[in-house]
PDB file of N, CA and C in Angstrom:
ATOM      1  N   UNK A   1       0.438  -1.131  -0.112  1.00  0.00           N
ATOM      2  CA  UNK A   1      -0.029   0.035  -0.295  1.00  0.00           C
ATOM      3  C   UNK A   1       0.718   1.135  -0.342  1.00  0.00           C
ATOM      4  N   UNK A   2       0.709   2.556  -0.640  1.00  0.00           N
ATOM      5  CA  UNK A   2       1.464   3.386  -0.920  1.00  0.00           C
ATOM      6  C   UNK A   2       0.399   4.670   0.153  1.00  0.00           C
ATOM      7  N   UNK A   3       1.490   4.991   0.865  1.00  0.00           N
ATOM      8  CA  UNK A   3       0.321   5.949   1.397  1.00  0.00           C
ATOM      9  C   UNK A   3       0.965   7.492   1.061  1.00  0.00           C
ATOM     10  N   UNK A   4       0.019   8.596   0.776  1.00  0.00           N
ATOM     11  CA  UNK A   4       0.001   9.446   0.162  1.00  0.00           C
ATOM     12  C   UNK A   4      -0.024  10.802   1.115  1.00  0.00           C
ATOM     13  N   UNK A   5       0.595  11.485   1.167  1.00  0.00           N
ATOM     14  CA  UNK A   5       0.066  13.237   1.905  1.00  0.00           C
ATOM     15  C   UNK A   5      -0.821  13.498   1.335  1.00  0.00           C
ATOM     16  N   UNK A   6      -1.712  13.038  -0.128  1.00  0.00           N
ATOM     17  CA  UNK A   6      -2.933  13.763  -0.465  1.00  0.00           C
ATOM     18  C   UNK A   6      -3.891  12.945  -0.207  1.00  0.00           C
ATOM     19  N   UNK A   7      -3.887  11.804   0.041  1.00  0.00           N
ATOM     20  CA  UNK A   7      -4.588  11.220   0.759  1.00  0.00           C
ATOM     21  C   UNK A   7      -4.748  10.226   2.001  1.00  0.00           C
ATOM     22  N   UNK A   8      -4.964  11.515   3.366  1.00  0.00           N
ATOM     23  CA  UNK A   8      -4.775  10.841   4.184  1.00  0.00           C
ATOM     24  C   UNK A   8      -5.927  10.017   5.104  1.00  0.00           C
ATOM     25  N   UNK A   9      -5.547   8.996   5.506  1.00  0.00           N
ATOM     26  CA  UNK A   9      -6.502   8.301   6.428  1.00  0.00           C
ATOM     27  C   UNK A   9      -6.722   8.390   7.605  1.00  0.00           C
ATOM     28  N   UNK A  10      -7.754   8.669   8.814  1.00  0.00           N
ATOM     29  CA  UNK A  10      -7.579   8.783  10.225  1.00  0.00           C
ATOM     30  C   UNK A  10      -8.504   7.190  10.661  1.00  0.00           C
ATOM     31  N   UNK A  11      -7.866   6.995  11.726  1.00  0.00           N
ATOM     32  CA  UNK A  11      -9.352   5.916  11.964  1.00  0.00           C
ATOM     33  C   UNK A  11      -9.301   6.354  13.827  1.00  0.00           C
ATOM     34  N   UNK A  12     -10.297   6.840  14.326  1.00  0.00           N
ATOM     35  CA  UNK A  12     -10.541   7.620  15.705  1.00  0.00           C
ATOM     36  C   UNK A  12     -11.975   6.749  16.218  1.00  0.00           C
ATOM     37  N   UNK A  13     -11.977   6.153  17.320  1.00  0.00           N
ATOM     38  CA  UNK A  13     -12.983   5.520  18.227  1.00  0.00           C
ATOM     39  C   UNK A  13     -14.140   6.753  18.284  1.00  0.00           C
ATOM     40  N   UNK A  14     -15.024   5.860  18.406  1.00  0.00           N
ATOM     41  CA  UNK A  14     -16.584   7.208  17.865  1.00  0.00           C
ATOM     42  C   UNK A  14     -17.032   7.137  19.449  1.00  0.00           C
ATOM     43  N   UNK A  15     -16.859   8.273  19.974  1.00  0.00           N
ATOM     44  CA  UNK A  15     -17.376   8.535  21.210  1.00  0.00           C
ATOM     45  C   UNK A  15     -18.939   8.068  21.701  1.00  0.00           C
ATOM     46  N   UNK A  16     -19.558   8.108  20.632  1.00  0.00           N
ATOM     47  CA  UNK A  16     -21.424   7.915  20.804  1.00  0.00           C
ATOM     48  C   UNK A  16     -21.269   6.367  20.413  1.00  0.00           C
ATOM     49  N   UNK A  17     -22.936   6.591  20.449  1.00  0.00           N
ATOM     50  CA  UNK A  17     -23.666   5.048  20.079  1.00  0.00           C
ATOM     51  C   UNK A  17     -24.423   4.827  18.647  1.00  0.00           C
ATOM     52  N   UNK A  18     -23.634   4.296  17.970  1.00  0.00           N
ATOM     53  CA  UNK A  18     -24.061   4.496  16.455  1.00  0.00           C
ATOM     54  C   UNK A  18     -24.849   3.043  16.395  1.00  0.00           C
ATOM     55  N   UNK A  19     -26.576   3.528  15.451  1.00  0.00           N
ATOM     56  CA  UNK A  19     -27.173   2.119  15.197  1.00  0.00           C
ATOM     57  C   UNK A  19     -27.817   3.011  14.161  1.00  0.00           C
ATOM     58  N   UNK A  20     -27.534   1.498  13.385  1.00  0.00           N
ATOM     59  CA  UNK A  20     -28.114   1.044  12.029  1.00  0.00           C
ATOM     60  C   UNK A  20     -29.557   0.456  12.082  1.00  0.00           C
ATOM     61  N   UNK A  21     -30.682   1.824  10.900  1.00  0.00           N
ATOM     62  CA  UNK A  21     -31.675   0.568  11.101  1.00  0.00           C
ATOM     63  C   UNK A  21     -31.849   0.772   9.474  1.00  0.00           C
ATOM     64  N   UNK A  22     -32.867  -0.526   9.256  1.00  0.00           N
ATOM     65  CA  UNK A  22     -33.585  -0.565   8.227  1.00  0.00           C
ATOM     66  C   UNK A  22     -34.762  -1.244   8.179  1.00  0.00           C
ATOM     67  N   UNK A  23     -35.554  -0.979   7.501  1.00  0.00           N
ATOM     68  CA  UNK A  23     -37.374  -1.605   7.159  1.00  0.00           C
ATOM     69  C   UNK A  23     -37.677  -1.946   8.442  1.00  0.00           C
ATOM     70  N   UNK A  24     -37.608  -0.812   9.977  1.00  0.00           N
ATOM     71  CA  UNK A  24     -37.866  -1.275  11.186  1.00  0.00           C
ATOM     72  C   UNK A  24     -37.076  -1.741  11.961  1.00  0.00           C
ATOM     73  N   UNK A  25     -36.005  -2.222  11.573  1.00  0.00           N
ATOM     74  CA  UNK A  25     -35.158  -3.497  12.619  1.00  0.00           C
ATOM     75  C   UNK A  25     -34.120  -2.609  12.743  1.00  0.00           C
ATOM     76  N   UNK A  26     -33.146  -2.834  13.799  1.00  0.00           N
ATOM     77  CA  UNK A  26     -32.049  -2.395  14.181  1.00  0.00           C
ATOM     78  C   UNK A  26     -31.058  -3.466  13.674  1.00  0.00           C
ATOM     79  N   UNK A  27     -29.958  -2.531  12.752  1.00  0.00           N
ATOM     80  CA  UNK A  27     -29.260  -4.369  11.700  1.00  0.00           C
ATOM     81  C   UNK A  27     -27.879  -4.359  12.804  1.00  0.00           C
ATOM     82  N   UNK A  28     -27.800  -2.648  13.609  1.00  0.00           N
ATOM     83  CA  UNK A  28     -26.567  -2.856  14.261  1.00  0.00           C
ATOM     84  C   UNK A  28     -26.675  -1.533  15.176  1.00  0.00           C
ATOM     85  N   UNK A  29     -25.964  -1.734  16.494  1.00  0.00           N
ATOM     86  CA  UNK A  29     -25.859  -1.212  17.459  1.00  0.00           C
ATOM     87  C   UNK A  29     -24.755  -0.929  18.454  1.00  0.00           C
ATOM     88  N   UNK A  30     -24.062   0.020  18.467  1.00  0.00           N
ATOM     89  CA  UNK A  30     -22.780  -0.037  19.074  1.00  0.00           C
ATOM     90  C   UNK A  30     -22.190   1.177  20.091  1.00  0.00           C
ATOM     91  N   UNK A  31     -21.657   0.940  20.668  1.00  0.00           N
ATOM     92  CA  UNK A  31     -20.924   2.337  21.155  1.00  0.00           C
ATOM     93  C   UNK A  31     -19.453   1.927  20.858  1.00  0.00           C
ATOM     94  N   UNK A  32     -19.335   0.904  20.557  1.00  0.00           N
ATOM     95  CA  UNK A  32     -17.122   0.847  19.459  1.00  0.00           C
ATOM     96  C   UNK A  32     -17.390   0.847  18.261  1.00  0.00           C
ATOM     97  N   UNK A  33     -17.785   1.442  17.558  1.00  0.00           N
ATOM     98  CA  UNK A  33     -17.859   2.139  16.286  1.00  0.00           C
ATOM     99  C   UNK A  33     -16.347   3.169  16.548  1.00  0.00           C
ATOM    100  N   UNK A  34     -15.756   2.790  14.802  1.00  0.00           N
ATOM    101  CA  UNK A  34     -14.472   3.247  14.800  1.00  0.00           C
ATOM    102  C   UNK A  34     -15.100   4.038  13.591  1.00  0.00           C
ATOM    103  N   UNK A  35     -14.475   5.884  13.045  1.00  0.00           N
ATOM    104  CA  UNK A  35     -14.956   6.672  12.303  1.00  0.00           C
ATOM    105  C   UNK A  35     -13.617   6.586  11.653  1.00  0.00           C
ATOM    106  N   UNK A  36     -13.943   6.709  10.305  1.00  0.00           N
ATOM    107  CA  UNK A  36     -12.833   6.414   9.539  1.00  0.00           C
ATOM    108  C   UNK A  36     -12.854   7.655   8.279  1.00  0.00           C
ATOM    109  N   UNK A  37     -12.017   8.578   8.163  1.00  0.00           N
ATOM    110  CA  UNK A  37     -11.625   9.747   7.303  1.00  0.00           C
ATOM    111  C   UNK A  37     -10.700   9.786   6.639  1.00  0.00           C
ATOM    112  N   UNK A  38     -11.235   9.307   5.128  1.00  0.00           N
ATOM    113  CA  UNK A  38     -10.546   9.686   4.165  1.00  0.00           C
ATOM    114  C   UNK A  38     -10.183  10.559   2.958  1.00  0.00           C
ATOM    115  N   UNK A  39      -9.034  11.554   3.008  1.00  0.00           N
ATOM    116  CA  UNK A  39      -9.247  12.216   1.860  1.00  0.00           C
ATOM    117  C   UNK A  39     -10.504  13.403   2.347  1.00  0.00           C
ATOM    118  N   UNK A  40     -11.100  13.615   0.925  1.00  0.00           N
ATOM    119  CA  UNK A  40     -12.121  14.182   1.028  1.00  0.00           C
ATOM    120  C   UNK A  40     -13.545  13.737   1.125  1.00  0.00           C
ATOM    121  N   UNK A  41     -13.178  12.135   1.450  1.00  0.00           N
ATOM    122  CA  UNK A  41     -14.774  11.634   1.091  1.00  0.00           C
ATOM    123  C   UNK A  41     -15.697  11.702   2.333  1.00  0.00           C
ATOM    124  N   UNK A  42     -16.684  11.161   2.898  1.00  0.00           N
ATOM    125  CA  UNK A  42     -17.304  11.339   3.961  1.00  0.00           C
ATOM    126  C   UNK A  42     -17.045  10.836   4.433  1.00  0.00           C
ATOM    127  N   UNK A  43     -17.023  11.134   6.370  1.00  0.00           N
ATOM    128  CA  UNK A  43     -16.616   9.877   7.653  1.00  0.00           C
ATOM    129  C   UNK A  43     -17.470   8.593   6.995  1.00  0.00           C
ATOM    130  N   UNK A  44     -16.578   7.423   7.487  1.00  0.00           N
ATOM    131  CA  UNK A  44     -17.804   6.199   7.704  1.00  0.00           C
ATOM    132  C   UNK A  44     -17.249   5.970   8.738  1.00  0.00           C
ATOM    133  N   UNK A  45     -18.597   5.089   9.540  1.00  0.00           N
ATOM    134  CA  UNK A  45     -18.512   4.581  11.008  1.00  0.00           C
ATOM    135  C   UNK A  45     -18.503   3.139  10.605  1.00  0.00           C
ATOM    136  N   UNK A  46     -17.413   2.660  11.498  1.00  0.00           N
ATOM    137  CA  UNK A  46     -17.039   0.819  11.067  1.00  0.00           C
ATOM    138  C   UNK A  46     -17.997  -0.074  12.582  1.00  0.00           C
ATOM    139  N   UNK A  47     -18.631  -0.601  12.023  1.00  0.00           N
ATOM    140  CA  UNK A  47     -19.345  -1.292  13.353  1.00  0.00           C
ATOM    141  C   UNK A  47     -18.702  -2.934  13.334  1.00  0.00           C
ATOM    142  N   UNK A  48     -18.365  -3.129  14.739  1.00  0.00           N
ATOM    143  CA  UNK A  48     -17.914  -4.579  14.947  1.00  0.00           C
ATOM    144  C   UNK A  48     -18.723  -5.261  14.836  1.00  0.00           C
ATOM    145  N   UNK A  49     -17.988  -6.516  13.868  1.00  0.00           N
ATOM    146  CA  UNK A  49     -19.270  -7.654  13.587  1.00  0.00           C
ATOM    147  C   UNK A  49     -20.218  -7.993  14.547  1.00  0.00           C
ATOM    148  N   UNK A  50     -19.916  -7.838  15.951  1.00  0.00           N
ATOM    149  CA  UNK A  50     -20.371  -8.833  16.654  1.00  0.00           C
ATOM    150  C   UNK A  50     -21.483  -8.063  17.254  1.00  0.00           C
ATOM    151  N   UNK A  51     -21.670  -6.810  16.853  1.00  0.00           N
ATOM    152  CA  UNK A  51     -22.966  -5.640  16.932  1.00  0.00           C
ATOM    153  C   UNK A  51     -23.767  -5.572  16.146  1.00  0.00           C
ATOM    154  N   UNK A  52     -23.802  -6.425  14.883  1.00  0.00           N
ATOM    155  CA  UNK A  52     -24.471  -6.249  13.913  1.00  0.00           C
ATOM    156  C   UNK A  52     -25.387  -7.646  13.901  1.00  0.00           C
ATOM    157  N   UNK A  53     -26.668  -7.655  13.528  1.00  0.00           N
ATOM    158  CA  UNK A  53     -27.533  -8.458  13.440  1.00  0.00           C
ATOM    159  C   UNK A  53     -27.075  -9.707  12.290  1.00  0.00           C
ATOM    160  N   UNK A  54     -26.304 -10.060  12.136  1.00  0.00           N
ATOM    161  CA  UNK A  54     -25.990 -10.945  10.828  1.00  0.00           C
ATOM    162  C   UNK A  54     -26.725 -12.378  10.076  1.00  0.00           C
ATOM    163  N   UNK A  55     -27.967 -12.331  11.163  1.00  0.00           N
ATOM    164  CA  UNK A  55     -28.802 -12.455  10.473  1.00  0.00           C
ATOM    165  C   UNK A  55     -29.495 -12.646   9.661  1.00  0.00           C
ATOM    166  N   UNK A  56     -29.279 -10.853   9.162  1.00  0.00           N
ATOM    167  CA  UNK A  56     -30.412 -10.342   8.692  1.00  0.00           C
ATOM    168  C   UNK A  56     -29.081  -9.799   7.071  1.00  0.00           C
ATOM    169  N   UNK A  57     -28.315 -10.263   7.252  1.00  0.00           N
ATOM    170  CA  UNK A  57     -27.201 -10.058   6.604  1.00  0.00           C
ATOM    171  C   UNK A  57     -26.801 -11.514   5.922  1.00  0.00           C
ATOM    172  N   UNK A  58     -26.426 -11.107   4.676  1.00  0.00           N
ATOM    173  CA  UNK A  58     -26.125 -12.463   3.105  1.00  0.00           C
ATOM    174  C   UNK A  58     -24.956 -11.976   2.671  1.00  0.00           C
ATOM    175  N   UNK A  59     -23.442 -12.465   2.860  1.00  0.00           N
ATOM    176  CA  UNK A  59     -22.774 -12.566   1.871  1.00  0.00           C
ATOM    177  C   UNK A  59     -23.091 -13.015   0.078  1.00  0.00           C
ATOM    178  N   UNK A  60     -22.475 -11.613  -0.470  1.00  0.00           N
ATOM    179  CA  UNK A  60     -22.551 -12.235  -2.103  1.00  0.00           C
ATOM    180  C   UNK A  60     -21.335 -12.060  -2.541  1.00  0.00           C
ATOM    181  N   UNK A  61     -21.355 -11.893  -3.671  1.00  0.00           N
ATOM    182  CA  UNK A  61     -19.649 -12.859  -4.954  1.00  0.00           C
ATOM    183  C   UNK A  61     -19.427 -10.711  -5.416  1.00  0.00           C
ATOM    184  N   UNK A  62     -19.975  -9.903  -4.850  1.00  0.00           N
ATOM    185  CA  UNK A  62     -19.372  -9.019  -5.138  1.00  0.00           C
ATOM    186  C   UNK A  62     -18.051  -8.326  -4.203  1.00  0.00           C
ATOM    187  N   UNK A  63     -17.128  -8.054  -5.122  1.00  0.00           N
ATOM    188  CA  UNK A  63     -15.979  -7.777  -4.815  1.00  0.00           C
ATOM    189  C   UNK A  63     -15.292  -6.385  -4.999  1.00  0.00           C
ATOM    190  N   UNK A  64     -14.884  -5.424  -4.516  1.00  0.00           N
ATOM    191  CA  UNK A  64     -13.684  -4.457  -4.932  1.00  0.00           C
ATOM    192  C   UNK A  64     -13.069  -4.126  -3.894  1.00  0.00           C
ATOM    193  N   UNK A  65     -11.884  -3.396  -4.856  1.00  0.00           N
ATOM    194  CA  UNK A  65     -10.891  -2.731  -4.627  1.00  0.00           C
ATOM    195  C   UNK A  65     -10.245  -1.466  -4.008  1.00  0.00           C
ATOM    196  N   UNK A  66      -9.542  -1.307  -2.570  1.00  0.00           N
ATOM    197  CA  UNK A  66      -9.389   0.108  -2.883  1.00  0.00           C
ATOM    198  C   UNK A  66      -7.423  -0.158  -2.177  1.00  0.00           C
ATOM    199  N   UNK A  67      -6.811   0.630  -3.211  1.00  0.00           N
ATOM    200  CA  UNK A  67      -5.772   0.651  -3.223  1.00  0.00           C
ATOM    201  C   UNK A  67      -5.079   1.410  -1.562  1.00  0.00           C
ATOM    202  N   UNK A  68      -5.742   1.562  -1.170  1.00  0.00           N
ATOM    203  CA  UNK A  68      -5.327   2.320   0.528  1.00  0.00           C
ATOM    204  C   UNK A  68      -6.099   1.236   1.399  1.00  0.00           C
ATOM    205  N   UNK A  69      -7.039   0.374   1.469  1.00  0.00           N
ATOM    206  CA  UNK A  69      -7.113  -0.400   2.502  1.00  0.00           C
ATOM    207  C   UNK A  69      -7.361  -2.014   2.242  1.00  0.00           C
ATOM    208  N   UNK A  70      -7.266  -2.154   0.877  1.00  0.00           N
ATOM    209  CA  UNK A  70      -7.382  -3.676  -0.223  1.00  0.00           C
ATOM    210  C   UNK A  70      -8.826  -3.756  -0.385  1.00  0.00           C
ATOM    211  N   UNK A  71      -9.029  -5.288  -0.571  1.00  0.00           N
ATOM    212  CA  UNK A  71     -10.128  -5.970  -1.292  1.00  0.00           C
ATOM    213  C   UNK A  71     -11.591  -6.029  -0.200  1.00  0.00           C
ATOM    214  N   UNK A  72     -12.713  -5.557  -0.317  1.00  0.00           N
ATOM    215  CA  UNK A  72     -13.468  -5.159  -0.022  1.00  0.00           C
ATOM    216  C   UNK A  72     -14.544  -6.723  -0.332  1.00  0.00           C
ATOM    217  N   UNK A  73     -15.099  -7.302   1.024  1.00  0.00           N
ATOM    218  CA  UNK A  73     -16.649  -7.999   0.298  1.00  0.00           C
ATOM    219  C   UNK A  73     -17.609  -7.437   0.850  1.00  0.00           C
ATOM    220  N   UNK A  74     -18.390  -8.163   0.410  1.00  0.00           N
ATOM    221  CA  UNK A  74     -19.893  -7.140   0.504  1.00  0.00           C
ATOM    222  C   UNK A  74     -21.265  -8.535   1.449  1.00  0.00           C
ATOM    223  N   UNK A  75     -22.115  -7.732   1.940  1.00  0.00           N
ATOM    224  CA  UNK A  75     -23.277  -8.338   2.335  1.00  0.00           C
ATOM    225  C   UNK A  75     -24.874  -7.843   1.663  1.00  0.00           C
ATOM    226  N   UNK A  76     -25.382  -8.476   1.369  1.00  0.00           N
ATOM    227  CA  UNK A  76     -27.043  -8.035   1.284  1.00  0.00           C
ATOM    228  C   UNK A  76     -27.800  -7.880   2.370  1.00  0.00           C
ATOM    229  N   UNK A  77     -28.648  -6.565   2.744  1.00  0.00           N
ATOM    230  CA  UNK A  77     -29.336  -6.727   3.931  1.00  0.00           C
ATOM    231  C   UNK A  77     -30.454  -7.519   3.255  1.00  0.00           C
ATOM    232  N   UNK A  78     -31.261  -8.495   4.089  1.00  0.00           N
ATOM    233  CA  UNK A  78     -32.883  -8.946   3.853  1.00  0.00           C
ATOM    234  C   UNK A  78     -33.374  -9.013   4.913  1.00  0.00           C
ATOM    235  N   UNK A  79     -34.654  -8.050   5.085  1.00  0.00           N
ATOM    236  CA  UNK A  79     -35.710  -8.780   5.667  1.00  0.00           C
ATOM    237  C   UNK A  79     -37.027  -9.398   5.107  1.00  0.00           C
ATOM    238  N   UNK A  80     -37.750  -9.269   5.701  1.00  0.00           N
ATOM    239  CA  UNK A  80     -38.799  -9.934   5.231  1.00  0.00           C
ATOM    240  C   UNK A  80     -39.621  -9.230   4.288  1.00  0.00           C
ATOM    241  N   UNK A  81     -39.584  -7.910   4.173  1.00  0.00           N
ATOM    242  CA  UNK A  81     -40.224  -6.745   3.509  1.00  0.00           C
ATOM    243  C   UNK A  81     -39.235  -5.825   2.719  1.00  0.00           C
ATOM    244  N   UNK A  82     -37.910  -6.090   2.616  1.00  0.00           N
ATOM    245  CA  UNK A  82     -37.087  -5.561   1.998  1.00  0.00           C
ATOM    246  C   UNK A  82     -36.019  -5.813   1.724  1.00  0.00           C
ATOM    247  N   UNK A  83     -35.195  -5.379   0.265  1.00  0.00           N
ATOM    248  CA  UNK A  83     -33.600  -6.088   0.511  1.00  0.00           C
ATOM    249  C   UNK A  83     -32.840  -4.524   0.250  1.00  0.00           C
ATOM    250  N   UNK A  84     -31.357  -4.600   0.758  1.00  0.00           N
ATOM    251  CA  UNK A  84     -30.260  -3.382  -0.259  1.00  0.00           C
ATOM    252  C   UNK A  84     -29.276  -3.999  -0.470  1.00  0.00           C
ATOM    253  N   UNK A  85     -29.366  -4.163  -1.556  1.00  0.00           N
ATOM    254  CA  UNK A  85     -28.203  -5.137  -2.137  1.00  0.00           C
ATOM    255  C   UNK A  85     -26.943  -4.775  -2.083  1.00  0.00           C
ATOM    256  N   UNK A  86     -25.805  -5.369  -1.646  1.00  0.00           N
ATOM    257  CA  UNK A  86     -24.385  -5.265  -1.170  1.00  0.00           C
ATOM    258  C   UNK A  86     -24.515  -3.942  -0.513  1.00  0.00           C
ATOM    259  N   UNK A  87     -25.365  -3.906   0.777  1.00  0.00           N
ATOM    260  CA  UNK A  87     -25.464  -2.643   1.278  1.00  0.00           C
ATOM    261  C   UNK A  87     -24.554  -2.287   2.415  1.00  0.00           C
ATOM    262  N   UNK A  88     -23.595  -3.365   2.654  1.00  0.00           N
ATOM    263  CA  UNK A  88     -22.887  -3.690   3.047  1.00  0.00           C
ATOM    264  C   UNK A  88     -21.355  -3.758   3.187  1.00  0.00           C
ATOM    265  N   UNK A  89     -20.737  -3.468   3.845  1.00  0.00           N
ATOM    266  CA  UNK A  89     -19.494  -3.881   3.208  1.00  0.00           C
ATOM    267  C   UNK A  89     -17.917  -4.168   4.394  1.00  0.00           C
ATOM    268  N   UNK A  90     -17.541  -4.826   3.907  1.00  0.00           N
ATOM    269  CA  UNK A  90     -15.864  -5.218   5.045  1.00  0.00           C
ATOM    270  C   UNK A  90     -14.697  -5.491   4.470  1.00  0.00           C
ATOM    271  N   UNK A  91     -13.630  -4.823   4.852  1.00  0.00           N
ATOM    272  CA  UNK A  91     -12.525  -5.816   4.818  1.00  0.00           C
ATOM    273  C   UNK A  91     -11.984  -6.504   5.639  1.00  0.00           C
ATOM    274  N   UNK A  92     -11.402  -7.824   4.912  1.00  0.00           N
ATOM    275  CA  UNK A  92     -11.535  -9.070   5.861  1.00  0.00           C
ATOM    276  C   UNK A  92     -10.066  -8.827   6.010  1.00  0.00           C
ATOM    277  N   UNK A  93      -9.256  -8.540   5.077  1.00  0.00           N
ATOM    278  CA  UNK A  93      -7.950  -8.576   5.421  1.00  0.00           C
ATOM    279  C   UNK A  93      -7.073  -6.993   4.900  1.00  0.00           C
ATOM    280  N   UNK A  94      -7.426  -6.074   5.975  1.00  0.00           N
ATOM    281  CA  UNK A  94      -7.141  -4.938   5.448  1.00  0.00           C
ATOM    282  C   UNK A  94      -5.200  -4.456   5.678  1.00  0.00           C
ATOM    283  N   UNK A  95      -5.022  -3.661   4.678  1.00  0.00           N
ATOM    284  CA  UNK A  95      -3.700  -3.378   5.020  1.00  0.00           C
ATOM    285  C   UNK A  95      -3.516  -2.990   6.553  1.00  0.00           C
ATOM    286  N   UNK A  96      -1.906  -3.051   6.944  1.00  0.00           N
ATOM    287  CA  UNK A  96      -1.440  -3.045   8.342  1.00  0.00           C
ATOM    288  C   UNK A  96      -1.796  -1.571   8.686  1.00  0.00           C
ATOM    289  N   UNK A  97      -2.007  -0.302   8.003  1.00  0.00           N
ATOM    290  CA  UNK A  97      -2.282   1.230   7.905  1.00  0.00           C
ATOM    291  C   UNK A  97      -3.606   1.113   8.210  1.00  0.00           C
ATOM    292  N   UNK A  98      -4.673   0.142   8.228  1.00  0.00           N
ATOM    293  CA  UNK A  98      -5.773   0.365   8.292  1.00  0.00           C
ATOM    294  C   UNK A  98      -6.474  -0.583   9.047  1.00  0.00           C
ATOM    295  N   UNK A  99      -5.375  -1.255   9.834  1.00  0.00           N
ATOM    296  CA  UNK A  99      -5.712  -2.908  10.566  1.00  0.00           C
ATOM    297  C   UNK A  99      -6.911  -2.442  11.537  1.00  0.00           C
ATOM    298  N   UNK A 100      -7.101  -1.676  12.052  1.00  0.00           N
ATOM    299  CA  UNK A 100      -8.117  -1.777  12.821  1.00  0.00           C
ATOM    300  C   UNK A 100      -9.322  -1.534  13.018  1.00  0.00           C
ATOM    301  N   UNK A 101      -9.745  -1.673  11.409  1.00  0.00           N
ATOM    302  CA  UNK A 101     -10.805  -1.956  11.072  1.00  0.00           C
ATOM    303  C   UNK A 101     -11.244  -3.480  10.742  1.00  0.00           C
ATOM    304  N   UNK A 102     -10.328  -4.297  10.451  1.00  0.00           N
ATOM    305  CA  UNK A 102     -10.720  -5.517  10.801  1.00  0.00           C
ATOM    306  C   UNK A 102     -11.621  -5.610  11.351  1.00  0.00           C
ATOM    307  N   UNK A 103     -12.955  -7.218  11.223  1.00  0.00           N
ATOM    308  CA  UNK A 103     -13.856  -7.288  11.714  1.00  0.00           C
ATOM    309  C   UNK A 103     -14.791  -6.455  12.032  1.00  0.00           C
ATOM    310  N   UNK A 104     -14.731  -5.463  11.264  1.00  0.00           N
ATOM    311  CA  UNK A 104     -15.471  -4.414  11.297  1.00  0.00           C
ATOM    312  C   UNK A 104     -16.743  -3.995   9.757  1.00  0.00           C
ATOM    313  N   UNK A 105     -17.968  -3.780  10.305  1.00  0.00           N
ATOM    314  CA  UNK A 105     -18.624  -3.632   8.669  1.00  0.00           C
ATOM    315  C   UNK A 105     -19.412  -1.387   8.601  1.00  0.00           C
ATOM    316  N   UNK A 106     -19.474  -1.459   7.771  1.00  0.00           N
ATOM    317  CA  UNK A 106     -19.555  -0.113   7.303  1.00  0.00           C
ATOM    318  C   UNK A 106     -20.916  -0.370   6.126  1.00  0.00           C
ATOM    319  N   UNK A 107     -21.700   0.167   6.541  1.00  0.00           N
ATOM    320  CA  UNK A 107     -23.217   0.782   6.112  1.00  0.00           C
ATOM    321  C   UNK A 107     -23.111   1.645   4.959  1.00  0.00           C
ATOM    322  N   UNK A 108     -23.722   1.718   3.430  1.00  0.00           N
ATOM    323  CA  UNK A 108     -23.780   2.638   2.852  1.00  0.00           C
ATOM    324  C   UNK A 108     -25.535   3.110   3.161  1.00  0.00           C
ATOM    325  N   UNK A 109     -25.160   4.556   3.571  1.00  0.00           N
ATOM    326  CA  UNK A 109     -26.153   5.863   4.102  1.00  0.00           C
ATOM    327  C   UNK A 109     -27.911   5.320   3.212  1.00  0.00           C
ATOM    328  N   UNK A 110     -27.069   5.412   1.918  1.00  0.00           N
ATOM    329  CA  UNK A 110     -28.105   5.693   1.114  1.00  0.00           C
ATOM    330  C   UNK A 110     -28.843   4.300   0.842  1.00  0.00           C
ATOM    331  N   UNK A 111     -28.587   3.253   1.141  1.00  0.00           N
ATOM    332  CA  UNK A 111     -29.229   1.707   1.234  1.00  0.00           C
ATOM    333  C   UNK A 111     -29.795   1.339   2.224  1.00  0.00           C
ATOM    334  N   UNK A 112     -29.738   2.381   3.124  1.00  0.00           N
ATOM    335  CA  UNK A 112     -30.579   1.550   4.770  1.00  0.00           C
ATOM    336  C   UNK A 112     -31.515   3.157   5.361  1.00  0.00           C
ATOM    337  N   UNK A 113     -32.135   2.856   5.803  1.00  0.00           N
ATOM    338  CA  UNK A 113     -33.279   3.998   6.320  1.00  0.00           C
ATOM    339  C   UNK A 113     -32.324   5.083   7.058  1.00  0.00           C
ATOM    340  N   UNK A 114     -31.460   4.580   7.957  1.00  0.00           N
ATOM    341  CA  UNK A 114     -31.032   5.805   8.898  1.00  0.00           C
ATOM    342  C   UNK A 114     -29.546   5.193   9.709  1.00  0.00           C
ATOM    343  N   UNK A 115     -28.698   6.153   9.613  1.00  0.00           N
ATOM    344  CA  UNK A 115     -27.118   5.791  10.319  1.00  0.00           C
ATOM    345  C   UNK A 115     -27.519   6.726  11.790  1.00  0.00           C
ATOM    346  N   UNK A 116     -28.117   6.571  12.916  1.00  0.00           N
ATOM    347  CA  UNK A 116     -27.828   7.449  13.851  1.00  0.00           C
ATOM    348  C   UNK A 116     -26.854   7.922  14.962  1.00  0.00           C
ATOM    349  N   UNK A 117     -26.259   8.546  15.354  1.00  0.00           N
ATOM    350  CA  UNK A 117     -25.087   8.752  16.314  1.00  0.00           C
ATOM    351  C   UNK A 117     -25.902   9.044  17.805  1.00  0.00           C
ATOM    352  N   UNK A 118     -25.980   8.713  18.307  1.00  0.00           N
ATOM    353  CA  UNK A 118     -26.478   9.164  19.734  1.00  0.00           C
ATOM    354  C   UNK A 118     -25.764   9.693  21.021  1.00  0.00           C
ATOM    355  N   UNK A 119     -25.720  10.013  21.687  1.00  0.00           N
ATOM    356  CA  UNK A 119     -24.833   9.990  23.013  1.00  0.00           C
ATOM    357  C   UNK A 119     -25.209   8.882  23.465  1.00  0.00           C
ATOM    358  N   UNK A 120     -23.662   8.389  23.953  1.00  0.00           N
ATOM    359  CA  UNK A 120     -23.635   6.921  24.982  1.00  0.00           C
ATOM    360  C   UNK A 120     -23.913   7.159  25.890  1.00  0.00           C
ATOM    361  N   UNK A 121     -24.698   5.990  26.460  1.00  0.00           N
ATOM    362  CA  UNK A 121     -25.339   6.153  28.235  1.00  0.00           C
ATOM    363  C   UNK A 121     -24.131   5.707  29.155  1.00  0.00           C
TER     364      UNK A 121
END
């Protein structure tokens, strides 16, 4: 992986509670999210896999590659009423510079109903 000054990436613990809602269901709920900021892109919340309802997620064959993070795998969110095709991604073997996101899931904000940040209790 090439680190470039013009493409900074930072990862910090999010002090808030982060919840992902889809089709009236809580798909993920955590107080251990990591906020990844990458260059000029919007911040992304990475949620520990164990804090997501994996029974609603279905692995797909879709894959992408990021030169800064490595290969991404995808999940579709499937409830009784709706489907969000490839709405979730994860880096199972991220590059060392972003190793903290291993075991975490990220959700496309435009494919879920809401990603909330609430004050932690």
